[in-house]
Amino acid sequence: MERVAFDPGVFTARLTLERSVETPDGQGGVSRTYAAFGSAWARIEPVSAGRSAAADAYPMRVTHRIWLRHRGDLTTGVRLRKGARLFDIRTFRDPDESRRYVVCDCEEMER
């Protein structure tokens, strides 16, 4: 597999990594919050934007490709934060299997 090559100086966005924390709500359900567990420099690339019909509403859907240095602590339920902006990680992968970078396909969450 060909190695991915680009200038690491493009990692210009400082992101906070947040993990989902579920707490029993006492009624058989859970209350979900997020707790920060790390930070990383990243490269954010907008991929697409569009509207989709859902329950008589037309929310904007914006996707991004976010590059990070390789991390072993990414799992489902992790999201990325840049200030007030939130990015839900849909998938992540090692683009050239060299354990140098991780590429996350993310959807920006509306607040």
C-alpha atoms as a PDB file:
ATOM      1  CA  MET A   1       0.000   0.000   0.000  1.00  0.00           C
ATOM      2  CA  GLU A   2       1.299   3.454  -0.886  1.00  0.00           C
ATOM      3  CA  ARG A   3       2.177   5.698   2.065  1.00  0.00           C
ATOM      4  CA  VAL A   4       0.157   8.860   2.556  1.00  0.00           C
ATOM      5  CA  ALA A   5       2.378  11.915   2.213  1.00  0.00           C
ATOM      6  CA  PHE A   6       1.566  15.474   3.215  1.00  0.00           C
ATOM      7  CA  ASP A   7       3.065  18.243   5.309  1.00  0.00           C
ATOM      8  CA  PRO A   8       2.288  17.643   9.012  1.00  0.00           C
ATOM      9  CA  GLY A   9       2.141  21.447   9.322  1.00  0.00           C
ATOM     10  CA  VAL A  10      -1.434  21.225   8.016  1.00  0.00           C
ATOM     11  CA  PHE A  11      -2.555  19.994  11.452  1.00  0.00           C
ATOM     12  CA  THR A  12      -3.793  23.445  12.471  1.00  0.00           C
ATOM     13  CA  ALA A  13      -7.041  22.742  14.342  1.00  0.00           C
ATOM     14  CA  ARG A  14      -6.840  21.953  18.056  1.00  0.00           C
ATOM     15  CA  LEU A  15      -9.580  19.453  18.946  1.00  0.00           C
ATOM     16  CA  THR A  16     -10.829  18.014  22.212  1.00  0.00           C
ATOM     17  CA  LEU A  17     -11.745  14.322  22.206  1.00  0.00           C
ATOM     18  CA  GLU A  18     -14.881  13.474  24.180  1.00  0.00           C
ATOM     19  CA  ARG A  19     -16.182  10.066  25.233  1.00  0.00           C
ATOM     20  CA  SER A  20     -19.824   9.188  25.842  1.00  0.00           C
ATOM     21  CA  VAL A  21     -20.683   8.530  29.502  1.00  0.00           C
ATOM     22  CA  GLU A  22     -23.990   6.861  30.334  1.00  0.00           C
ATOM     23  CA  THR A  23     -25.520   7.216  33.796  1.00  0.00           C
ATOM     24  CA  PRO A  24     -28.655   5.313  34.909  1.00  0.00           C
ATOM     25  CA  ASP A  25     -31.586   7.718  35.215  1.00  0.00           C
ATOM     26  CA  GLY A  26     -33.421   5.632  37.851  1.00  0.00           C
ATOM     27  CA  GLN A  27     -36.312   4.807  35.506  1.00  0.00           C
ATOM     28  CA  GLY A  28     -34.700   2.053  33.451  1.00  0.00           C
ATOM     29  CA  GLY A  29     -33.037   4.392  30.957  1.00  0.00           C
ATOM     30  CA  VAL A  30     -29.790   6.280  30.838  1.00  0.00           C
ATOM     31  CA  SER A  31     -28.672   9.880  30.726  1.00  0.00           C
ATOM     32  CA  ARG A  32     -25.847  10.486  28.245  1.00  0.00           C
ATOM     33  CA  THR A  33     -23.179  13.142  28.753  1.00  0.00           C
ATOM     34  CA  TYR A  34     -19.709  13.573  27.287  1.00  0.00           C
ATOM     35  CA  ALA A  35     -16.400  13.854  29.115  1.00  0.00           C
ATOM     36  CA  ALA A  36     -13.142  15.124  27.632  1.00  0.00           C
ATOM     37  CA  PHE A  37     -10.339  12.548  27.635  1.00  0.00           C
ATOM     38  CA  GLY A  38      -7.708  14.084  25.387  1.00  0.00           C
ATOM     39  CA  SER A  39      -6.773  16.670  22.799  1.00  0.00           C
ATOM     40  CA  ALA A  40      -5.085  16.538  19.424  1.00  0.00           C
ATOM     41  CA  TRP A  41      -3.968  18.697  16.536  1.00  0.00           C
ATOM     42  CA  ALA A  42      -5.945  17.902  13.408  1.00  0.00           C
ATOM     43  CA  ARG A  43      -6.557  18.701   9.767  1.00  0.00           C
ATOM     44  CA  ILE A  44     -10.244  19.332   8.964  1.00  0.00           C
ATOM     45  CA  GLU A  45     -11.427  18.946   5.364  1.00  0.00           C
ATOM     46  CA  PRO A  46     -15.056  19.788   4.499  1.00  0.00           C
ATOM     47  CA  VAL A  47     -16.499  17.026   2.299  1.00  0.00           C
ATOM     48  CA  SER A  48     -20.164  17.734   1.627  1.00  0.00           C
ATOM     49  CA  ALA A  49     -23.184  19.731   2.721  1.00  0.00           C
ATOM     50  CA  GLY A  50     -26.845  19.251   1.953  1.00  0.00           C
ATOM     51  CA  ARG A  51     -30.352  19.058   3.293  1.00  0.00           C
ATOM     52  CA  SER A  52     -32.365  15.913   3.855  1.00  0.00           C
ATOM     53  CA  ALA A  53     -36.061  15.610   4.591  1.00  0.00           C
ATOM     54  CA  ALA A  54     -36.698  14.168   8.031  1.00  0.00           C
ATOM     55  CA  ALA A  55     -39.990  14.469   9.940  1.00  0.00           C
ATOM     56  CA  ASP A  56     -41.142  17.620   8.136  1.00  0.00           C
ATOM     57  CA  ALA A  57     -37.845  19.351   8.889  1.00  0.00           C
ATOM     58  CA  TYR A  58     -34.921  20.008   6.600  1.00  0.00           C
ATOM     59  CA  PRO A  59     -31.784  19.889   8.720  1.00  0.00           C
ATOM     60  CA  MET A  60     -28.445  20.782   7.183  1.00  0.00           C
ATOM     61  CA  ARG A  61     -26.028  17.851   7.009  1.00  0.00           C
ATOM     62  CA  VAL A  62     -22.338  18.766   6.813  1.00  0.00           C
ATOM     63  CA  THR A  63     -19.644  16.103   6.618  1.00  0.00           C
ATOM     64  CA  HIS A  64     -15.905  16.434   7.173  1.00  0.00           C
ATOM     65  CA  ARG A  65     -12.791  14.313   6.855  1.00  0.00           C
ATOM     66  CA  ILE A  66     -10.638  14.868   9.924  1.00  0.00           C
ATOM     67  CA  TRP A  67      -7.008  13.707  10.029  1.00  0.00           C
ATOM     68  CA  LEU A  68      -5.289  13.045  13.360  1.00  0.00           C
ATOM     69  CA  ARG A  69      -1.979  11.518  14.294  1.00  0.00           C
ATOM     70  CA  HIS A  70      -2.512   7.825  15.015  1.00  0.00           C
ATOM     71  CA  ARG A  71      -4.294   7.096  18.291  1.00  0.00           C
ATOM     72  CA  GLY A  72      -5.199   3.794  19.851  1.00  0.00           C
ATOM     73  CA  ASP A  73      -8.022   5.179  22.007  1.00  0.00           C
ATOM     74  CA  LEU A  74     -10.643   5.951  19.339  1.00  0.00           C
ATOM     75  CA  THR A  75     -13.825   3.899  19.665  1.00  0.00           C
ATOM     76  CA  THR A  76     -17.487   4.249  18.828  1.00  0.00           C
ATOM     77  CA  GLY A  77     -19.147   6.896  20.988  1.00  0.00           C
ATOM     78  CA  VAL A  78     -16.241   9.343  20.632  1.00  0.00           C
ATOM     79  CA  ARG A  79     -16.798  12.820  19.257  1.00  0.00           C
ATOM     80  CA  LEU A  80     -14.490  15.734  18.497  1.00  0.00           C
ATOM     81  CA  ARG A  81     -14.974  19.330  19.642  1.00  0.00           C
ATOM     82  CA  LYS A  82     -13.509  22.532  18.250  1.00  0.00           C
ATOM     83  CA  GLY A  83     -14.825  25.314  20.451  1.00  0.00           C
ATOM     84  CA  ALA A  84     -18.625  25.201  20.093  1.00  0.00           C
ATOM     85  CA  ARG A  85     -18.484  22.956  17.009  1.00  0.00           C
ATOM     86  CA  LEU A  86     -19.104  19.217  17.497  1.00  0.00           C
ATOM     87  CA  PHE A  87     -18.094  16.435  15.095  1.00  0.00           C
ATOM     88  CA  ASP A  88     -19.617  12.975  15.493  1.00  0.00           C
ATOM     89  CA  ILE A  89     -17.195  10.280  14.285  1.00  0.00           C
ATOM     90  CA  ARG A  90     -19.020   7.929  11.895  1.00  0.00           C
ATOM     91  CA  THR A  91     -16.006   5.828  10.845  1.00  0.00           C
ATOM     92  CA  PHE A  92     -12.237   5.948  11.290  1.00  0.00           C
ATOM     93  CA  ARG A  93      -9.344   4.154   9.631  1.00  0.00           C
ATOM     94  CA  ASP A  94      -5.600   4.040   9.136  1.00  0.00           C
ATOM     95  CA  PRO A  95      -5.319   5.285   5.513  1.00  0.00           C
ATOM     96  CA  ASP A  96      -2.094   3.465   4.612  1.00  0.00           C
ATOM     97  CA  GLU A  97      -1.797   0.974   7.512  1.00  0.00           C
ATOM     98  CA  SER A  98       1.409   2.627   8.719  1.00  0.00           C
ATOM     99  CA  ARG A  99       0.045   3.683  12.157  1.00  0.00           C
ATOM    100  CA  ARG A 100       1.032   7.302  11.436  1.00  0.00           C
ATOM    101  CA  TYR A 101      -2.409   8.854  10.861  1.00  0.00           C
ATOM    102  CA  VAL A 102      -6.077   8.198  11.505  1.00  0.00           C
ATOM    103  CA  VAL A 103      -8.743   9.535   9.144  1.00  0.00           C
ATOM    104  CA  CYS A 104     -12.161  10.126  10.708  1.00  0.00           C
ATOM    105  CA  ASP A 105     -15.294  10.532   8.599  1.00  0.00           C
ATOM    106  CA  CYS A 106     -17.419  12.886  10.672  1.00  0.00           C
ATOM    107  CA  GLU A 107     -20.749  14.634  10.598  1.00  0.00           C
ATOM    108  CA  GLU A 108     -20.964  18.071  12.156  1.00  0.00           C
ATOM    109  CA  MET A 109     -23.711  18.107  14.759  1.00  0.00           C
ATOM    110  CA  GLU A 110     -26.214  20.959  14.883  1.00  0.00           C
ATOM    111  CA  ARG A 111     -26.576  22.568  18.275  1.00  0.00           C
END
